Amino acid sequence: KGLEYLIVLSCKDPNHAEITCPIVAIQDIYSVVEDGEGCFPQEVLSAVPGEEREHLLMVVYQGGNNAVYRFCMLEESRPSLDMFLECLRILCIYAQQASATKTNPTI
């Protein structure tokens, strides 16, 4: 409802959140198509077959204690990857603007 978190659920247990990422804390979003394979950990690339790598994305965000976290996702198709990236970028802009409004309200 508040569009504050990107929540990634476990495939094995959809009631269990694997990752809860504050959208306002997202620092960058990478995709193999736009940024190249060099941005991705080798262990991730070795787990994804070559033909599916164009569906791969990685979200980098700042968590508690100023630690930087990252997670990778594999979309089912190139169009779904493009749509996810566009929507997440829009949500990031919205979250940053909402956060700035909360910390610096106009009088």
PDB file of N, CA and C in Angstrom:
ATOM      1  N   LYS A   1       0.827  -1.200   0.000  1.00  0.00           N
ATOM      2  CA  LYS A   1       0.000   0.000   0.000  1.00  0.00           C
ATOM      3  C   LYS A   1       0.865   1.254   0.000  1.00  0.00           C
ATOM      4  N   GLY A   2       1.868   1.294   0.880  1.00  0.00           N
ATOM      5  CA  GLY A   2       2.727   2.460   0.956  1.00  0.00           C
ATOM      6  C   GLY A   2       3.864   2.434  -0.044  1.00  0.00           C
ATOM      7  N   LEU A   3       4.041   1.315  -0.743  1.00  0.00           N
ATOM      8  CA  LEU A   3       5.103   1.158  -1.730  1.00  0.00           C
ATOM      9  C   LEU A   3       6.463   1.515  -1.148  1.00  0.00           C
ATOM     10  N   GLU A   4       6.733   1.031   0.062  1.00  0.00           N
ATOM     11  CA  GLU A   4       7.975   1.360   0.738  1.00  0.00           C
ATOM     12  C   GLU A   4       9.037   0.286   0.619  1.00  0.00           C
ATOM     13  N   TYR A   5       8.640  -0.957   0.364  1.00  0.00           N
ATOM     14  CA  TYR A   5       9.589  -2.067   0.355  1.00  0.00           C
ATOM     15  C   TYR A   5       9.445  -2.920  -0.895  1.00  0.00           C
ATOM     16  N   LEU A   6      10.575  -3.411  -1.370  1.00  0.00           N
ATOM     17  CA  LEU A   6      10.596  -4.463  -2.371  1.00  0.00           C
ATOM     18  C   LEU A   6      10.822  -5.743  -1.582  1.00  0.00           C
ATOM     19  N   ILE A   7       9.863  -6.637  -1.620  1.00  0.00           N
ATOM     20  CA  ILE A   7       9.939  -7.872  -0.840  1.00  0.00           C
ATOM     21  C   ILE A   7      10.074  -9.045  -1.792  1.00  0.00           C
ATOM     22  N   VAL A   8      11.124  -9.827  -1.594  1.00  0.00           N
ATOM     23  CA  VAL A   8      11.362 -11.023  -2.397  1.00  0.00           C
ATOM     24  C   VAL A   8      11.013 -12.221  -1.532  1.00  0.00           C
ATOM     25  N   LEU A   9      10.067 -13.017  -2.013  1.00  0.00           N
ATOM     26  CA  LEU A   9       9.601 -14.178  -1.262  1.00  0.00           C
ATOM     27  C   LEU A   9      10.356 -15.431  -1.664  1.00  0.00           C
ATOM     28  N   SER A  10      10.406 -16.374  -0.750  1.00  0.00           N
ATOM     29  CA  SER A  10      11.017 -17.670  -1.005  1.00  0.00           C
ATOM     30  C   SER A  10      10.147 -18.476  -1.960  1.00  0.00           C
ATOM     31  N   CYS A  11      10.770 -19.151  -2.916  1.00  0.00           N
ATOM     32  CA  CYS A  11      10.020 -20.033  -3.829  1.00  0.00           C
ATOM     33  C   CYS A  11       9.437 -21.219  -3.064  1.00  0.00           C
ATOM     34  N   LYS A  12      10.166 -21.675  -2.069  1.00  0.00           N
ATOM     35  CA  LYS A  12       9.742 -22.854  -1.310  1.00  0.00           C
ATOM     36  C   LYS A  12       8.654 -22.527  -0.304  1.00  0.00           C
ATOM     37  N   ASP A  13       8.691 -21.325   0.255  1.00  0.00           N
ATOM     38  CA  ASP A  13       7.702 -20.923   1.251  1.00  0.00           C
ATOM     39  C   ASP A  13       7.293 -19.475   0.989  1.00  0.00           C
ATOM     40  N   PRO A  14       6.210 -19.264   0.228  1.00  0.00           N
ATOM     41  CA  PRO A  14       5.811 -17.898  -0.113  1.00  0.00           C
ATOM     42  C   PRO A  14       5.392 -17.046   1.082  1.00  0.00           C
ATOM     43  N   ASN A  15       5.263 -17.646   2.250  1.00  0.00           N
ATOM     44  CA  ASN A  15       4.956 -16.878   3.458  1.00  0.00           C
ATOM     45  C   ASN A  15       6.222 -16.332   4.116  1.00  0.00           C
ATOM     46  N   HIS A  16       7.380 -16.720   3.576  1.00  0.00           N
ATOM     47  CA  HIS A  16       8.661 -16.313   4.151  1.00  0.00           C
ATOM     48  C   HIS A  16       9.344 -15.298   3.232  1.00  0.00           C
ATOM     49  N   ALA A  17       9.619 -14.118   3.758  1.00  0.00           N
ATOM     50  CA  ALA A  17      10.325 -13.086   2.989  1.00  0.00           C
ATOM     51  C   ALA A  17      11.822 -13.356   3.049  1.00  0.00           C
ATOM     52  N   GLU A  18      12.422 -13.606   1.900  1.00  0.00           N
ATOM     53  CA  GLU A  18      13.871 -13.793   1.821  1.00  0.00           C
ATOM     54  C   GLU A  18      14.589 -12.453   1.964  1.00  0.00           C
ATOM     55  N   ILE A  19      14.020 -11.434   1.321  1.00  0.00           N
ATOM     56  CA  ILE A  19      14.641 -10.108   1.309  1.00  0.00           C
ATOM     57  C   ILE A  19      13.553  -9.055   1.489  1.00  0.00           C
ATOM     58  N   THR A  20      13.809  -8.110   2.371  1.00  0.00           N
ATOM     59  CA  THR A  20      12.946  -6.945   2.519  1.00  0.00           C
ATOM     60  C   THR A  20      13.836  -5.726   2.312  1.00  0.00           C
ATOM     61  N   CYS A  21      13.706  -5.133   1.150  1.00  0.00           N
ATOM     62  CA  CYS A  21      14.577  -4.036   0.736  1.00  0.00           C
ATOM     63  C   CYS A  21      13.796  -2.725   0.730  1.00  0.00           C
ATOM     64  N   PRO A  22      14.182  -1.760   1.565  1.00  0.00           N
ATOM     65  CA  PRO A  22      13.523  -0.455   1.512  1.00  0.00           C
ATOM     66  C   PRO A  22      13.793   0.200   0.149  1.00  0.00           C
ATOM     67  N   ILE A  23      12.753   0.568  -0.550  1.00  0.00           N
ATOM     68  CA  ILE A  23      12.924   1.137  -1.891  1.00  0.00           C
ATOM     69  C   ILE A  23      13.753   2.415  -1.842  1.00  0.00           C
ATOM     70  N   VAL A  24      13.572   3.207  -0.800  1.00  0.00           N
ATOM     71  CA  VAL A  24      14.323   4.453  -0.680  1.00  0.00           C
ATOM     72  C   VAL A  24      15.823   4.193  -0.503  1.00  0.00           C
ATOM     73  N   ALA A  25      16.203   2.988  -0.070  1.00  0.00           N
ATOM     74  CA  ALA A  25      17.605   2.653   0.175  1.00  0.00           C
ATOM     75  C   ALA A  25      18.307   2.070  -1.049  1.00  0.00           C
ATOM     76  N   ILE A  26      17.573   1.870  -2.141  1.00  0.00           N
ATOM     77  CA  ILE A  26      18.186   1.302  -3.343  1.00  0.00           C
ATOM     78  C   ILE A  26      19.168   2.313  -3.928  1.00  0.00           C
ATOM     79  N   GLN A  27      20.405   1.853  -4.114  1.00  0.00           N
ATOM     80  CA  GLN A  27      21.455   2.717  -4.649  1.00  0.00           C
ATOM     81  C   GLN A  27      21.631   2.552  -6.151  1.00  0.00           C
ATOM     82  N   ASP A  28      21.440   1.324  -6.635  1.00  0.00           N
ATOM     83  CA  ASP A  28      21.597   1.086  -8.066  1.00  0.00           C
ATOM     84  C   ASP A  28      20.893  -0.195  -8.458  1.00  0.00           C
ATOM     85  N   ILE A  29      20.564  -0.288  -9.731  1.00  0.00           N
ATOM     86  CA  ILE A  29      19.944  -1.481 -10.298  1.00  0.00           C
ATOM     87  C   ILE A  29      20.726  -1.799 -11.566  1.00  0.00           C
ATOM     88  N   TYR A  30      21.274  -2.996 -11.635  1.00  0.00           N
ATOM     89  CA  TYR A  30      22.077  -3.405 -12.780  1.00  0.00           C
ATOM     90  C   TYR A  30      21.352  -4.483 -13.570  1.00  0.00           C
ATOM     91  N   SER A  31      21.586  -4.494 -14.868  1.00  0.00           N
ATOM     92  CA  SER A  31      21.144  -5.609 -15.700  1.00  0.00           C
ATOM     93  C   SER A  31      22.286  -5.955 -16.643  1.00  0.00           C
ATOM     94  N   VAL A  32      22.365  -7.220 -17.017  1.00  0.00           N
ATOM     95  CA  VAL A  32      23.411  -7.652 -17.940  1.00  0.00           C
ATOM     96  C   VAL A  32      23.266  -6.906 -19.261  1.00  0.00           C
ATOM     97  N   VAL A  33      22.027  -6.722 -19.705  1.00  0.00           N
ATOM     98  CA  VAL A  33      21.765  -6.068 -20.986  1.00  0.00           C
ATOM     99  C   VAL A  33      22.298  -4.633 -20.998  1.00  0.00           C
ATOM    100  N   GLU A  34      22.057  -3.881 -19.925  1.00  0.00           N
ATOM    101  CA  GLU A  34      22.440  -2.466 -19.897  1.00  0.00           C
ATOM    102  C   GLU A  34      23.844  -2.224 -19.361  1.00  0.00           C
ATOM    103  N   ASP A  35      24.301  -3.076 -18.428  1.00  0.00           N
ATOM    104  CA  ASP A  35      25.548  -2.802 -17.717  1.00  0.00           C
ATOM    105  C   ASP A  35      26.658  -3.814 -17.964  1.00  0.00           C
ATOM    106  N   GLY A  36      26.341  -4.937 -18.567  1.00  0.00           N
ATOM    107  CA  GLY A  36      27.348  -5.960 -18.843  1.00  0.00           C
ATOM    108  C   GLY A  36      27.520  -6.945 -17.700  1.00  0.00           C
ATOM    109  N   GLU A  37      28.169  -8.049 -18.019  1.00  0.00           N
ATOM    110  CA  GLU A  37      28.364  -9.120 -17.041  1.00  0.00           C
ATOM    111  C   GLU A  37      29.374  -8.760 -15.962  1.00  0.00           C
ATOM    112  N   GLY A  38      30.241  -7.780 -16.231  1.00  0.00           N
ATOM    113  CA  GLY A  38      31.270  -7.397 -15.272  1.00  0.00           C
ATOM    114  C   GLY A  38      30.726  -6.860 -13.959  1.00  0.00           C
ATOM    115  N   CYS A  39      29.479  -6.439 -13.931  1.00  0.00           N
ATOM    116  CA  CYS A  39      28.865  -5.904 -12.709  1.00  0.00           C
ATOM    117  C   CYS A  39      28.365  -7.005 -11.782  1.00  0.00           C
ATOM    118  N   PHE A  40      28.334  -8.227 -12.272  1.00  0.00           N
ATOM    119  CA  PHE A  40      27.718  -9.324 -11.529  1.00  0.00           C
ATOM    120  C   PHE A  40      28.769 -10.251 -10.927  1.00  0.00           C
ATOM    121  N   PRO A  41      28.465 -10.806  -9.743  1.00  0.00           N
ATOM    122  CA  PRO A  41      29.382 -11.774  -9.137  1.00  0.00           C
ATOM    123  C   PRO A  41      29.535 -13.008 -10.036  1.00  0.00           C
ATOM    124  N   GLN A  42      30.743 -13.522 -10.099  1.00  0.00           N
ATOM    125  CA  GLN A  42      31.024 -14.677 -10.947  1.00  0.00           C
ATOM    126  C   GLN A  42      30.177 -15.884 -10.563  1.00  0.00           C
ATOM    127  N   GLU A  43      29.927 -16.065  -9.261  1.00  0.00           N
ATOM    128  CA  GLU A  43      29.130 -17.224  -8.831  1.00  0.00           C
ATOM    129  C   GLU A  43      27.695 -17.143  -9.342  1.00  0.00           C
ATOM    130  N   VAL A  44      27.187 -15.940  -9.521  1.00  0.00           N
ATOM    131  CA  VAL A  44      25.844 -15.774 -10.086  1.00  0.00           C
ATOM    132  C   VAL A  44      25.871 -16.088 -11.577  1.00  0.00           C
ATOM    133  N   LEU A  45      26.847 -15.534 -12.283  1.00  0.00           N
ATOM    134  CA  LEU A  45      26.948 -15.779 -13.722  1.00  0.00           C
ATOM    135  C   LEU A  45      27.130 -17.259 -14.034  1.00  0.00           C
ATOM    136  N   SER A  46      27.900 -17.951 -13.212  1.00  0.00           N
ATOM    137  CA  SER A  46      28.126 -19.378 -13.473  1.00  0.00           C
ATOM    138  C   SER A  46      26.869 -20.206 -13.215  1.00  0.00           C
ATOM    139  N   ALA A  47      25.936 -19.678 -12.436  1.00  0.00           N
ATOM    140  CA  ALA A  47      24.698 -20.408 -12.143  1.00  0.00           C
ATOM    141  C   ALA A  47      23.604 -20.143 -13.180  1.00  0.00           C
ATOM    142  N   VAL A  48      23.803 -19.140 -14.023  1.00  0.00           N
ATOM    143  CA  VAL A  48      22.777 -18.762 -15.003  1.00  0.00           C
ATOM    144  C   VAL A  48      23.282 -19.099 -16.408  1.00  0.00           C
ATOM    145  N   PRO A  49      22.550 -19.945 -17.135  1.00  0.00           N
ATOM    146  CA  PRO A  49      22.964 -20.278 -18.508  1.00  0.00           C
ATOM    147  C   PRO A  49      23.058 -19.024 -19.378  1.00  0.00           C
ATOM    148  N   GLY A  50      23.973 -19.031 -20.323  1.00  0.00           N
ATOM    149  CA  GLY A  50      24.244 -17.872 -21.174  1.00  0.00           C
ATOM    150  C   GLY A  50      23.022 -17.245 -21.806  1.00  0.00           C
ATOM    151  N   GLU A  51      22.107 -18.068 -22.312  1.00  0.00           N
ATOM    152  CA  GLU A  51      20.929 -17.528 -23.001  1.00  0.00           C
ATOM    153  C   GLU A  51      19.947 -16.858 -22.044  1.00  0.00           C
ATOM    154  N   GLU A  52      20.047 -17.142 -20.748  1.00  0.00           N
ATOM    155  CA  GLU A  52      19.143 -16.531 -19.762  1.00  0.00           C
ATOM    156  C   GLU A  52      19.746 -15.298 -19.093  1.00  0.00           C
ATOM    157  N   ARG A  53      21.007 -15.027 -19.337  1.00  0.00           N
ATOM    158  CA  ARG A  53      21.670 -13.909 -18.658  1.00  0.00           C
ATOM    159  C   ARG A  53      21.070 -12.555 -19.004  1.00  0.00           C
ATOM    160  N   GLU A  54      20.450 -12.436 -20.178  1.00  0.00           N
ATOM    161  CA  GLU A  54      19.836 -11.154 -20.521  1.00  0.00           C
ATOM    162  C   GLU A  54      18.591 -10.879 -19.682  1.00  0.00           C
ATOM    163  N   HIS A  55      18.187 -11.840 -18.857  1.00  0.00           N
ATOM    164  CA  HIS A  55      17.040 -11.669 -17.953  1.00  0.00           C
ATOM    165  C   HIS A  55      17.495 -11.370 -16.522  1.00  0.00           C
ATOM    166  N   LEU A  56      18.794 -11.256 -16.318  1.00  0.00           N
ATOM    167  CA  LEU A  56      19.376 -11.124 -14.988  1.00  0.00           C
ATOM    168  C   LEU A  56      19.466  -9.659 -14.566  1.00  0.00           C
ATOM    169  N   LEU A  57      19.140  -9.408 -13.291  1.00  0.00           N
ATOM    170  CA  LEU A  57      19.300  -8.068 -12.732  1.00  0.00           C
ATOM    171  C   LEU A  57      19.831  -8.164 -11.312  1.00  0.00           C
ATOM    172  N   MET A  58      20.415  -7.084 -10.840  1.00  0.00           N
ATOM    173  CA  MET A  58      20.947  -7.031  -9.481  1.00  0.00           C
ATOM    174  C   MET A  58      20.564  -5.695  -8.859  1.00  0.00           C
ATOM    175  N   VAL A  59      20.052  -5.768  -7.645  1.00  0.00           N
ATOM    176  CA  VAL A  59      19.672  -4.578  -6.881  1.00  0.00           C
ATOM    177  C   VAL A  59      20.707  -4.387  -5.776  1.00  0.00           C
ATOM    178  N   VAL A  60      21.234  -3.182  -5.660  1.00  0.00           N
ATOM    179  CA  VAL A  60      22.195  -2.833  -4.609  1.00  0.00           C
ATOM    180  C   VAL A  60      21.520  -1.803  -3.711  1.00  0.00           C
ATOM    181  N   TYR A  61      21.528  -2.087  -2.408  1.00  0.00           N
ATOM    182  CA  TYR A  61      20.876  -1.155  -1.486  1.00  0.00           C
ATOM    183  C   TYR A  61      21.635  -1.073  -0.174  1.00  0.00           C
ATOM    184  N   GLN A  62      21.384   0.009   0.552  1.00  0.00           N
ATOM    185  CA  GLN A  62      22.022   0.230   1.846  1.00  0.00           C
ATOM    186  C   GLN A  62      21.081  -0.241   2.941  1.00  0.00           C
ATOM    187  N   GLY A  63      21.589  -1.146   3.766  1.00  0.00           N
ATOM    188  CA  GLY A  63      20.789  -1.671   4.863  1.00  0.00           C
ATOM    189  C   GLY A  63      21.196  -1.045   6.181  1.00  0.00           C
ATOM    190  N   GLY A  64      20.841  -1.739   7.254  1.00  0.00           N
ATOM    191  CA  GLY A  64      21.191  -1.263   8.581  1.00  0.00           C
ATOM    192  C   GLY A  64      22.693  -1.170   8.772  1.00  0.00           C
ATOM    193  N   ASN A  65      23.110  -0.323   9.691  1.00  0.00           N
ATOM    194  CA  ASN A  65      24.526  -0.096   9.988  1.00  0.00           C
ATOM    195  C   ASN A  65      25.312   0.362   8.763  1.00  0.00           C
ATOM    196  N   ASN A  66      24.627   0.975   7.801  1.00  0.00           N
ATOM    197  CA  ASN A  66      25.246   1.469   6.566  1.00  0.00           C
ATOM    198  C   ASN A  66      25.905   0.383   5.731  1.00  0.00           C
ATOM    199  N   ALA A  67      25.553  -0.864   5.981  1.00  0.00           N
ATOM    200  CA  ALA A  67      26.085  -1.969   5.179  1.00  0.00           C
ATOM    201  C   ALA A  67      25.420  -1.953   3.807  1.00  0.00           C
ATOM    202  N   VAL A  68      26.179  -2.317   2.789  1.00  0.00           N
ATOM    203  CA  VAL A  68      25.648  -2.381   1.431  1.00  0.00           C
ATOM    204  C   VAL A  68      25.338  -3.837   1.108  1.00  0.00           C
ATOM    205  N   TYR A  69      24.126  -4.075   0.644  1.00  0.00           N
ATOM    206  CA  TYR A  69      23.668  -5.418   0.292  1.00  0.00           C
ATOM    207  C   TYR A  69      23.324  -5.456  -1.189  1.00  0.00           C
ATOM    208  N   ARG A  70      23.339  -6.643  -1.729  1.00  0.00           N
ATOM    209  CA  ARG A  70      22.923  -6.823  -3.119  1.00  0.00           C
ATOM    210  C   ARG A  70      22.247  -8.169  -3.256  1.00  0.00           C
ATOM    211  N   PHE A  71      21.320  -8.223  -4.186  1.00  0.00           N
ATOM    212  CA  PHE A  71      20.690  -9.496  -4.511  1.00  0.00           C
ATOM    213  C   PHE A  71      20.403  -9.516  -5.999  1.00  0.00           C
ATOM    214  N   CYS A  72      20.396 -10.712  -6.545  1.00  0.00           N
ATOM    215  CA  CYS A  72      20.157 -10.886  -7.974  1.00  0.00           C
ATOM    216  C   CYS A  72      18.831 -11.585  -8.183  1.00  0.00           C
ATOM    217  N   MET A  73      18.202 -11.245  -9.286  1.00  0.00           N
ATOM    218  CA  MET A  73      16.932 -11.861  -9.675  1.00  0.00           C
ATOM    219  C   MET A  73      17.012 -12.215 -11.149  1.00  0.00           C
ATOM    220  N   LEU A  74      16.245 -13.225 -11.522  1.00  0.00           N
ATOM    221  CA  LEU A  74      16.170 -13.641 -12.912  1.00  0.00           C
ATOM    222  C   LEU A  74      14.724 -13.511 -13.360  1.00  0.00           C
ATOM    223  N   GLU A  75      14.466 -12.592 -14.257  1.00  0.00           N
ATOM    224  CA  GLU A  75      13.116 -12.420 -14.792  1.00  0.00           C
ATOM    225  C   GLU A  75      12.852 -13.496 -15.839  1.00  0.00           C
ATOM    226  N   GLU A  76      11.579 -13.741 -16.117  1.00  0.00           N
ATOM    227  CA  GLU A  76      11.244 -14.827 -17.030  1.00  0.00           C
ATOM    228  C   GLU A  76      11.424 -14.470 -18.496  1.00  0.00           C
ATOM    229  N   SER A  77      11.450 -13.177 -18.827  1.00  0.00           N
ATOM    230  CA  SER A  77      11.619 -12.774 -20.222  1.00  0.00           C
ATOM    231  C   SER A  77      12.247 -11.384 -20.276  1.00  0.00           C
ATOM    232  N   ARG A  78      12.716 -11.016 -21.429  1.00  0.00           N
ATOM    233  CA  ARG A  78      13.285  -9.679 -21.614  1.00  0.00           C
ATOM    234  C   ARG A  78      12.229  -8.595 -21.421  1.00  0.00           C
ATOM    235  N   PRO A  79      11.014  -8.751 -21.990  1.00  0.00           N
ATOM    236  CA  PRO A  79       9.992  -7.722 -21.738  1.00  0.00           C
ATOM    237  C   PRO A  79       9.648  -7.574 -20.256  1.00  0.00           C
ATOM    238  N   SER A  80       9.597  -8.683 -19.509  1.00  0.00           N
ATOM    239  CA  SER A  80       9.287  -8.569 -18.078  1.00  0.00           C
ATOM    240  C   SER A  80      10.444  -7.918 -17.324  1.00  0.00           C
ATOM    241  N   LEU A  81      11.679  -8.164 -17.755  1.00  0.00           N
ATOM    242  CA  LEU A  81      12.836  -7.496 -17.159  1.00  0.00           C
ATOM    243  C   LEU A  81      12.745  -5.991 -17.397  1.00  0.00           C
ATOM    244  N   ASP A  82      12.485  -5.604 -18.638  1.00  0.00           N
ATOM    245  CA  ASP A  82      12.389  -4.182 -18.964  1.00  0.00           C
ATOM    246  C   ASP A  82      11.290  -3.492 -18.157  1.00  0.00           C
ATOM    247  N   MET A  83      10.147  -4.150 -18.023  1.00  0.00           N
ATOM    248  CA  MET A  83       9.039  -3.568 -17.268  1.00  0.00           C
ATOM    249  C   MET A  83       9.381  -3.463 -15.782  1.00  0.00           C
ATOM    250  N   PHE A  84       9.991  -4.513 -15.226  1.00  0.00           N
ATOM    251  CA  PHE A  84      10.376  -4.495 -13.816  1.00  0.00           C
ATOM    252  C   PHE A  84      11.368  -3.361 -13.558  1.00  0.00           C
ATOM    253  N   LEU A  85      12.387  -3.238 -14.410  1.00  0.00           N
ATOM    254  CA  LEU A  85      13.385  -2.185 -14.233  1.00  0.00           C
ATOM    255  C   LEU A  85      12.755  -0.795 -14.293  1.00  0.00           C
ATOM    256  N   GLU A  86      11.900  -0.583 -15.258  1.00  0.00           N
ATOM    257  CA  GLU A  86      11.248   0.724 -15.391  1.00  0.00           C
ATOM    258  C   GLU A  86      10.385   1.043 -14.170  1.00  0.00           C
ATOM    259  N   CYS A  87       9.599   0.073 -13.727  1.00  0.00           N
ATOM    260  CA  CYS A  87       8.726   0.289 -12.563  1.00  0.00           C
ATOM    261  C   CYS A  87       9.535   0.533 -11.299  1.00  0.00           C
ATOM    262  N   LEU A  88      10.603  -0.241 -11.105  1.00  0.00           N
ATOM    263  CA  LEU A  88      11.416  -0.074  -9.906  1.00  0.00           C
ATOM    264  C   LEU A  88      12.124   1.281  -9.916  1.00  0.00           C
ATOM    265  N   ARG A  89      12.586   1.714 -11.057  1.00  0.00           N
ATOM    266  CA  ARG A  89      13.226   3.036 -11.138  1.00  0.00           C
ATOM    267  C   ARG A  89      12.233   4.147 -10.810  1.00  0.00           C
ATOM    268  N   ILE A  90      11.014   4.016 -11.284  1.00  0.00           N
ATOM    269  CA  ILE A  90       9.971   5.003 -10.963  1.00  0.00           C
ATOM    270  C   ILE A  90       9.677   5.000  -9.465  1.00  0.00           C
ATOM    271  N   LEU A  91       9.567   3.811  -8.880  1.00  0.00           N
ATOM    272  CA  LEU A  91       9.324   3.712  -7.438  1.00  0.00           C
ATOM    273  C   LEU A  91      10.472   4.314  -6.635  1.00  0.00           C
ATOM    274  N   CYS A  92      11.703   4.129  -7.098  1.00  0.00           N
ATOM    275  CA  CYS A  92      12.859   4.706  -6.404  1.00  0.00           C
ATOM    276  C   CYS A  92      12.785   6.231  -6.405  1.00  0.00           C
ATOM    277  N   ILE A  93      12.450   6.806  -7.538  1.00  0.00           N
ATOM    278  CA  ILE A  93      12.317   8.268  -7.625  1.00  0.00           C
ATOM    279  C   ILE A  93      11.208   8.752  -6.694  1.00  0.00           C
ATOM    280  N   TYR A  94      10.078   8.069  -6.726  1.00  0.00           N
ATOM    281  CA  TYR A  94       8.951   8.420  -5.859  1.00  0.00           C
ATOM    282  C   TYR A  94       9.356   8.329  -4.384  1.00  0.00           C
ATOM    283  N   ALA A  95      10.028   7.242  -3.999  1.00  0.00           N
ATOM    284  CA  ALA A  95      10.425   7.041  -2.600  1.00  0.00           C
ATOM    285  C   ALA A  95      11.421   8.103  -2.153  1.00  0.00           C
ATOM    286  N   GLN A  96      12.357   8.468  -3.025  1.00  0.00           N
ATOM    287  CA  GLN A  96      13.331   9.495  -2.674  1.00  0.00           C
ATOM    288  C   GLN A  96      12.657  10.857  -2.506  1.00  0.00           C
ATOM    289  N   GLN A  97      11.711  11.165  -3.382  1.00  0.00           N
ATOM    290  CA  GLN A  97      10.992  12.434  -3.261  1.00  0.00           C
ATOM    291  C   GLN A  97      10.132  12.462  -2.001  1.00  0.00           C
ATOM    292  N   ALA A  98       9.474  11.347  -1.695  1.00  0.00           N
ATOM    293  CA  ALA A  98       8.646  11.269  -0.487  1.00  0.00           C
ATOM    294  C   ALA A  98       9.506  11.401   0.758  1.00  0.00           C
ATOM    295  N   SER A  99      10.684  10.785   0.744  1.00  0.00           N
ATOM    296  CA  SER A  99      11.595  10.868   1.881  1.00  0.00           C
ATOM    297  C   SER A  99      12.102  12.297   2.063  1.00  0.00           C
ATOM    298  N   ALA A 100      12.424  12.956   0.968  1.00  0.00           N
ATOM    299  CA  ALA A 100      12.893  14.342   1.041  1.00  0.00           C
ATOM    300  C   ALA A 100      11.796  15.260   1.563  1.00  0.00           C
ATOM    301  N   THR A 101      10.560  14.995   1.187  1.00  0.00           N
ATOM    302  CA  THR A 101       9.431  15.795   1.659  1.00  0.00           C
ATOM    303  C   THR A 101       9.234  15.616   3.157  1.00  0.00           C
ATOM    304  N   LYS A 102       9.439  14.391   3.651  1.00  0.00           N
ATOM    305  CA  LYS A 102       9.286  14.137   5.094  1.00  0.00           C
ATOM    306  C   LYS A 102      10.361  14.847   5.900  1.00  0.00           C
ATOM    307  N   THR A 103      11.606  14.863   5.372  1.00  0.00           N
ATOM    308  CA  THR A 103      12.696  15.475   6.126  1.00  0.00           C
ATOM    309  C   THR A 103      12.757  16.987   5.953  1.00  0.00           C
ATOM    310  N   ASN A 104      12.240  17.498   4.830  1.00  0.00           N
ATOM    311  CA  ASN A 104      12.250  18.939   4.566  1.00  0.00           C
ATOM    312  C   ASN A 104      10.864  19.403   4.124  1.00  0.00           C
ATOM    313  N   PRO A 105       9.885  19.358   5.009  1.00  0.00           N
ATOM    314  CA  PRO A 105       8.537  19.770   4.591  1.00  0.00           C
ATOM    315  C   PRO A 105       8.504  21.261   4.257  1.00  0.00           C
ATOM    316  N   THR A 106       7.741  21.589   3.241  1.00  0.00           N
ATOM    317  CA  THR A 106       7.586  23.003   2.888  1.00  0.00           C
ATOM    318  C   THR A 106       6.544  23.627   3.796  1.00  0.00           C
ATOM    319  N   ILE A 107       6.744  24.860   4.107  1.00  0.00           N
ATOM    320  CA  ILE A 107       5.838  25.546   5.035  1.00  0.00           C
ATOM    321  C   ILE A 107       4.794  26.309   4.280  1.00  0.00           C
TER     322      ILE A 107
END
